[in-house]
């Protein structure tokens, strides 16, 4: 959570906690959400899966939204929305105002439910050939706030060796066309800022750029290079 505190003070727009690939248990996730809140930094959680309990835990910890992996069809997308909403869009989220999201009982139930449905962002990851085929139906699901492309998993799904493979690029363009047609925001992970304008021109407006690991390694490499060249 110290890393969250440091980055929260770095004038970023938001942070994403990766509970899919990083070793986040419930306690660590809770502490990191608290650290972000101390700096009034919006925080999203990439959940471990699209299972309802993973979505519920992230939101109860105080996350402002979820980035849900491996949403391959409209049925999964609808279940994701149901797990993240209380009443809107077929919501089935378990209700309690006792966690951080409910102000530890400070907010009345009706107030908590309304705020949760109004302010919780739901982004779903398009990261398989099946998801690309179904992207129009996924985007049309009520309550989906944005589509997010996972190029690494797309590469695996298409049998490609790198995210620069033409099959991945074609899938990205197809998803971008659907997002533009259906007026739904579109996001992507970028290792650095070099491709920002390229993807902005394709209609992307949500970017996760780098990671705590890449920032740390990059800064360390700069120090080593400077020290050894002096």
Protein backbone atom coordinates (compact mmCIF):
# COMPACT_ATOMS: atom_id res chain seq x y z
CA UNK A 1 0.00 0.00 0.00
CA UNK A 2 3.00 2.34 0.31
CA UNK A 3 3.36 2.13 -3.47
CA UNK A 4 -0.25 3.25 -3.81
CA UNK A 5 0.43 6.20 -1.50
CA UNK A 6 3.47 7.23 -3.53
CA UNK A 7 1.70 7.00 -6.89
CA UNK A 8 -1.45 8.64 -5.54
CA UNK A 9 0.63 11.75 -4.91
CA UNK A 10 2.00 11.78 -8.45
CA UNK A 11 -0.92 13.65 -10.10
CA UNK A 12 -2.17 10.62 -12.02
CA UNK A 13 -5.82 10.47 -13.06
CA UNK A 14 -6.49 7.14 -11.38
CA UNK A 15 -4.84 3.90 -10.28
CA UNK A 16 -5.63 0.28 -11.13
CA UNK A 17 -4.99 -2.51 -8.63
CA UNK A 18 -4.34 -5.76 -10.48
CA UNK A 19 -5.99 -8.52 -8.46
CA UNK A 20 -5.93 -10.84 -11.48
CA UNK A 21 -2.17 -11.31 -11.86
CA UNK A 22 -0.67 -9.69 -8.74
CA UNK A 23 -0.79 -11.35 -5.28
CA UNK A 24 -3.69 -9.36 -3.83
CA UNK A 25 -5.62 -10.95 -0.99
CA UNK A 26 -8.69 -9.27 0.49
CA UNK A 27 -6.67 -7.57 3.25
CA UNK A 28 -4.06 -6.16 0.85
CA UNK A 29 -6.76 -4.96 -1.51
CA UNK A 30 -8.52 -3.24 1.37
CA UNK A 31 -5.33 -1.51 2.54
CA UNK A 32 -4.53 -0.26 -0.95
CA UNK A 33 -8.04 1.12 -1.44
CA UNK A 34 -7.66 2.91 1.89
CA UNK A 35 -4.30 4.38 0.83
CA UNK A 36 -5.81 5.66 -2.41
CA UNK A 37 -8.75 7.18 -0.58
CA UNK A 38 -6.39 9.05 1.76
CA UNK A 39 -5.20 10.98 -1.31
CA UNK A 40 -8.67 11.22 -2.91
CA UNK A 41 -7.29 9.14 -5.75
CA UNK A 42 -9.85 7.19 -7.78
CA UNK A 43 -8.97 3.51 -7.88
CA UNK A 44 -10.16 0.70 -10.12
CA UNK A 45 -9.64 -2.99 -9.40
CA UNK A 46 -8.93 -5.53 -12.08
CA UNK A 47 -10.69 -8.42 -10.46
CA UNK A 48 -9.35 -11.96 -10.25
CA UNK A 49 -12.24 -13.15 -12.41
CA UNK A 50 -15.80 -12.28 -13.39
CA UNK A 51 -17.17 -14.22 -10.43
CA UNK A 52 -19.63 -12.13 -8.36
CA UNK A 53 -17.68 -12.49 -5.11
CA UNK A 54 -14.54 -10.99 -6.65
CA UNK A 55 -16.51 -8.01 -7.95
CA UNK A 56 -18.34 -7.56 -4.64
CA UNK A 57 -15.16 -7.64 -2.56
CA UNK A 58 -13.44 -5.02 -4.73
CA UNK A 59 -16.41 -2.65 -4.56
CA UNK A 60 -17.02 -3.15 -0.83
CA UNK A 61 -13.36 -2.22 -0.23
CA UNK A 62 -14.16 1.16 -1.77
CA UNK A 63 -13.01 0.76 -5.37
CA UNK A 64 -14.61 3.23 -7.74
CA UNK A 65 -15.11 0.54 -10.33
CA UNK A 66 -14.00 -2.80 -11.69
CA UNK A 67 -12.05 -3.91 -14.73
CA UNK A 68 -13.26 -7.45 -15.31
CA UNK A 69 -11.17 -9.95 -17.30
CA UNK A 70 -12.22 -12.54 -19.86
CA UNK A 71 -15.69 -11.30 -20.70
CA UNK A 72 -16.28 -13.39 -23.81
CA UNK A 73 -19.98 -12.92 -24.47
CA UNK A 74 -23.06 -10.89 -23.61
CA UNK A 75 -24.22 -13.39 -21.01
CA UNK A 76 -21.02 -13.00 -19.00
CA UNK A 77 -21.22 -9.21 -19.46
CA UNK A 78 -24.76 -9.13 -18.08
CA UNK A 79 -23.68 -11.18 -15.06
CA UNK A 80 -20.80 -8.78 -14.45
CA UNK A 81 -23.18 -5.83 -14.48
CA UNK A 82 -25.59 -7.64 -12.16
CA UNK A 83 -22.75 -8.29 -9.69
CA UNK A 84 -21.69 -4.62 -9.74
CA UNK A 85 -25.12 -2.95 -9.53
CA UNK A 86 -27.72 -3.02 -6.77
CA UNK A 87 -30.87 -2.16 -8.69
CA UNK A 88 -29.97 -0.79 -12.09
CA UNK A 89 -29.52 -3.06 -15.13
CA UNK A 90 -30.71 -6.20 -13.36
CA UNK A 91 -28.48 -5.59 -10.36
CA UNK A 92 -27.92 -8.37 -7.85
CA UNK A 93 -25.02 -6.97 -5.83
CA UNK A 94 -25.11 -8.03 -2.20
CA UNK A 95 -26.13 -5.10 0.00
CA UNK A 96 -24.34 -3.93 3.14
CA UNK A 97 -23.49 -0.41 4.19
CA UNK A 98 -21.02 -1.62 6.82
CA UNK A 99 -17.88 -1.83 4.60
CA UNK A 100 -15.86 1.19 3.46
CA UNK A 101 -18.11 1.65 0.43
CA UNK A 102 -21.04 2.30 2.76
CA UNK A 103 -19.13 4.60 5.08
CA UNK A 104 -19.07 1.92 7.78
CA UNK A 105 -22.77 2.43 8.35
CA UNK A 106 -22.67 6.21 8.00
CA UNK A 107 -24.85 6.20 4.88
CA UNK A 108 -28.48 5.16 4.95
CA UNK A 109 -29.25 2.06 2.91
CA UNK A 110 -31.18 3.93 0.22
CA UNK A 111 -28.39 6.53 -0.09
CA UNK A 112 -25.73 3.82 -0.33
CA UNK A 113 -27.63 1.89 -3.00
CA UNK A 114 -28.25 4.98 -5.12
CA UNK A 115 -24.64 6.18 -4.87
CA UNK A 116 -23.29 2.73 -5.65
CA UNK A 117 -25.34 2.39 -8.80
CA UNK A 118 -24.61 5.95 -9.90
CA UNK A 119 -20.84 6.09 -9.30
CA UNK A 120 -19.56 2.55 -9.94
CA UNK A 121 -17.73 2.11 -13.25
CA UNK A 122 -17.90 -1.25 -15.01
CA UNK A 123 -15.27 -1.97 -17.65
CA UNK A 124 -15.00 -5.38 -19.33
CA UNK A 125 -11.95 -6.81 -21.01
CA UNK A 126 -12.10 -8.00 -24.62
CA UNK A 127 -9.19 -10.39 -24.79
CA UNK A 128 -10.09 -13.45 -26.85
CA UNK A 129 -11.10 -14.22 -30.41
CA UNK A 130 -14.52 -15.22 -29.08
CA UNK A 131 -14.93 -11.88 -27.33
CA UNK A 132 -13.99 -10.02 -30.52
CA UNK A 133 -16.64 -11.99 -32.44
CA UNK A 134 -19.22 -11.10 -29.78
CA UNK A 135 -18.08 -7.54 -29.10
CA UNK A 136 -21.17 -5.85 -30.56
CA UNK A 137 -23.44 -7.86 -28.28
CA UNK A 138 -21.18 -7.25 -25.28
CA UNK A 139 -21.12 -3.50 -25.90
CA UNK A 140 -24.92 -3.45 -26.11
CA UNK A 141 -25.39 -4.87 -22.60
CA UNK A 142 -27.00 -2.26 -20.36
CA UNK A 143 -24.66 -1.11 -17.61
CA UNK A 144 -21.36 -1.69 -19.41
CA UNK A 145 -19.48 1.60 -19.16
CA UNK A 146 -16.44 0.80 -21.29
CA UNK A 147 -14.64 -1.88 -23.26
CA UNK A 148 -10.99 -2.58 -22.51
CA UNK A 149 -8.73 -4.48 -24.89
CA UNK A 150 -6.18 -6.96 -23.56
CA UNK A 151 -3.69 -7.38 -26.39
CA UNK A 152 -1.48 -9.98 -24.71
CA UNK A 153 -4.34 -12.43 -24.23
CA UNK A 154 -5.60 -11.61 -27.72
CA UNK A 155 -2.21 -12.62 -29.09
CA UNK A 156 -2.43 -15.95 -27.27
CA UNK A 157 -5.99 -16.50 -28.46
CA UNK A 158 -5.02 -15.85 -32.09
CA UNK A 159 -1.90 -18.02 -31.87
CA UNK A 160 0.36 -14.98 -32.31
CA UNK A 161 3.77 -14.50 -30.72
CA UNK A 162 3.56 -10.75 -30.03
CA UNK A 163 0.95 -8.03 -29.58
CA UNK A 164 2.27 -6.46 -32.81
CA UNK A 165 0.96 -9.38 -34.87
CA UNK A 166 -1.42 -8.35 -37.70
CA UNK A 167 -4.17 -10.56 -36.28
CA UNK A 168 -4.09 -8.61 -33.01
CA UNK A 169 -4.04 -5.27 -34.82
CA UNK A 170 -7.05 -6.33 -36.89
CA UNK A 171 -8.94 -7.37 -33.75
CA UNK A 172 -8.16 -4.03 -32.11
CA UNK A 173 -9.50 -2.17 -35.14
CA UNK A 174 -12.66 -4.28 -35.16
CA UNK A 175 -13.35 -3.60 -31.48
CA UNK A 176 -12.62 0.09 -32.03
CA UNK A 177 -15.15 0.24 -34.87
CA UNK A 178 -17.85 -1.32 -32.72
CA UNK A 179 -17.09 0.98 -29.80
CA UNK A 180 -17.33 4.03 -32.07
CA UNK A 181 -20.59 2.83 -33.62
CA UNK A 182 -22.16 2.12 -30.23
CA UNK A 183 -20.73 5.24 -28.57
CA UNK A 184 -19.05 3.34 -25.76
CA UNK A 185 -15.65 4.39 -24.31
CA UNK A 186 -12.66 2.25 -25.16
CA UNK A 187 -9.52 1.53 -23.15
CA UNK A 188 -6.19 -0.26 -23.49
CA UNK A 189 -2.98 -0.99 -21.60
CA UNK A 190 0.18 0.59 -23.01
CA UNK A 191 3.69 -0.16 -21.74
CA UNK A 192 4.63 3.50 -22.17
CA UNK A 193 3.34 6.74 -23.66
CA UNK A 194 4.84 6.25 -27.15
CA UNK A 195 1.67 4.87 -28.75
CA UNK A 196 -0.79 7.23 -27.11
CA UNK A 197 -1.58 9.28 -30.21
CA UNK A 198 -1.91 6.18 -32.38
CA UNK A 199 -4.61 4.76 -30.16
CA UNK A 200 -6.31 8.11 -29.59
CA UNK A 201 -6.81 8.32 -33.34
CA UNK A 202 -8.51 4.91 -33.20
CA UNK A 203 -10.97 6.27 -30.64
CA UNK A 204 -9.37 5.15 -27.39
CA UNK A 205 -9.82 7.48 -24.43
CA UNK A 206 -8.94 5.30 -21.42
CA UNK A 207 -5.32 4.34 -20.91
CA UNK A 208 -3.47 2.29 -18.32
CA UNK A 209 0.17 3.20 -18.92
CA UNK A 210 2.95 1.13 -17.41
CA UNK A 211 2.99 -0.38 -13.95
CA UNK A 212 4.67 0.11 -10.61
CA UNK A 213 7.18 -2.55 -11.67
CA UNK A 214 8.00 -0.92 -15.00
CA UNK A 215 8.30 2.53 -13.42
CA UNK A 216 10.65 1.19 -10.74
CA UNK A 217 12.77 -0.77 -13.21
CA UNK A 218 12.94 2.16 -15.61
CA UNK A 219 14.07 4.59 -12.91
CA UNK A 220 16.65 2.09 -11.63
CA UNK A 221 17.99 1.52 -15.15
CA UNK A 222 18.39 5.28 -15.63
CA UNK A 223 20.39 5.55 -12.41
CA UNK A 224 22.62 2.63 -13.39
CA UNK A 225 23.23 4.06 -16.85
CA UNK A 226 24.05 7.51 -15.50
CA UNK A 227 26.32 6.17 -12.77
CA UNK A 228 28.31 3.89 -15.07
CA UNK A 229 28.71 6.50 -17.80
CA UNK A 230 30.04 9.21 -15.50
